[in-house]
């Protein structure tokens, strides 16, 4: 599992985004009209996947440690 935030190849209105969500990821109960969220835990690493479901679909993978780093940064600044 990667330890950086990364994007899969974007899609278009005709071509779906490259699916970088692992098959063992679980969809979580947070969603909006344009986004779905998934979580995957492997060994001691947790990654959150944010998938857009609108006109230009794409997927963003956020390792938990990067999300924690972001929240800490936001709390300090």
Protein backbone atom coordinates (compact mmCIF):
# COMPACT_ATOMS: atom_id res chain seq x y z
CA UNK A 1 0.00 0.00 0.00
CA UNK A 2 1.33 3.42 -0.91
CA UNK A 3 2.05 5.90 1.87
CA UNK A 4 1.42 9.05 -0.16
CA UNK A 5 -1.75 10.68 -1.41
CA UNK A 6 -2.27 9.74 -5.04
CA UNK A 7 -4.86 9.88 -7.81
CA UNK A 8 -5.86 7.25 -10.27
CA UNK A 9 -6.21 8.18 -13.92
CA UNK A 10 -9.26 10.43 -14.37
CA UNK A 11 -12.22 9.54 -16.45
CA UNK A 12 -14.58 11.51 -18.61
CA UNK A 13 -18.29 11.51 -19.31
CA UNK A 14 -17.70 8.48 -21.57
CA UNK A 15 -14.73 6.71 -19.96
CA UNK A 16 -14.72 5.60 -16.31
CA UNK A 17 -11.83 6.57 -14.03
CA UNK A 18 -9.14 3.94 -13.43
CA UNK A 19 -10.35 2.00 -10.41
CA UNK A 20 -7.59 2.11 -7.79
CA UNK A 21 -9.90 0.97 -4.98
CA UNK A 22 -8.79 -2.48 -3.78
CA UNK A 23 -11.43 -5.22 -3.95
CA UNK A 24 -11.27 -5.70 -0.16
CA UNK A 25 -12.04 -2.01 0.55
CA UNK A 26 -15.33 -1.37 2.30
CA UNK A 27 -17.72 1.41 1.35
CA UNK A 28 -18.40 3.60 4.38
CA UNK A 29 -21.57 5.47 5.28
CA UNK A 30 -20.25 8.89 4.29
CA UNK A 31 -21.44 9.93 0.86
CA UNK A 32 -22.83 12.88 -0.99
CA UNK A 33 -24.49 13.28 -4.34
CA UNK A 34 -21.04 13.47 -5.99
CA UNK A 35 -18.71 11.48 -3.70
CA UNK A 36 -18.43 7.99 -2.22
CA UNK A 37 -15.92 6.96 0.45
CA UNK A 38 -14.18 3.63 0.95
CA UNK A 39 -11.72 2.39 3.56
CA UNK A 40 -9.11 -0.34 3.26
CA UNK A 41 -6.88 -1.72 6.01
CA UNK A 42 -3.89 -3.88 5.21
CA UNK A 43 -1.44 -4.82 7.90
CA UNK A 44 -1.02 -1.61 9.94
CA UNK A 45 -1.90 0.80 7.10
CA UNK A 46 -5.32 2.33 6.53
CA UNK A 47 -6.20 4.15 3.31
CA UNK A 48 -9.33 6.16 2.61
CA UNK A 49 -10.50 6.34 -1.01
CA UNK A 50 -12.66 9.22 -2.19
CA UNK A 51 -14.46 8.50 -5.46
CA UNK A 52 -16.22 11.20 -7.43
CA UNK A 53 -19.35 10.02 -9.14
CA UNK A 54 -20.22 13.10 -11.16
CA UNK A 55 -19.58 14.10 -14.77
CA UNK A 56 -15.76 13.74 -14.53
CA UNK A 57 -15.23 10.68 -12.31
CA UNK A 58 -11.99 10.10 -10.45
CA UNK A 59 -10.57 8.45 -7.32
CA UNK A 60 -8.26 9.89 -4.66
CA UNK A 61 -6.41 7.63 -2.20
CA UNK A 62 -5.52 9.15 1.18
CA UNK A 63 -3.39 7.10 3.61
CA UNK A 64 -4.62 7.59 7.18
CA UNK A 65 -1.24 8.89 8.35
CA UNK A 66 -1.42 11.65 5.69
CA UNK A 67 -4.93 12.55 6.79
CA UNK A 68 -3.76 12.77 10.42
CA UNK A 69 -0.80 14.90 9.28
CA UNK A 70 -3.22 17.21 7.46
CA UNK A 71 -5.51 17.54 10.50
CA UNK A 72 -2.54 18.31 12.77
CA UNK A 73 -1.36 20.97 10.33
CA UNK A 74 -4.84 22.51 10.23
CA UNK A 75 -5.05 22.56 14.03
CA UNK A 76 -1.70 24.36 14.40
CA UNK A 77 -2.26 26.93 11.63
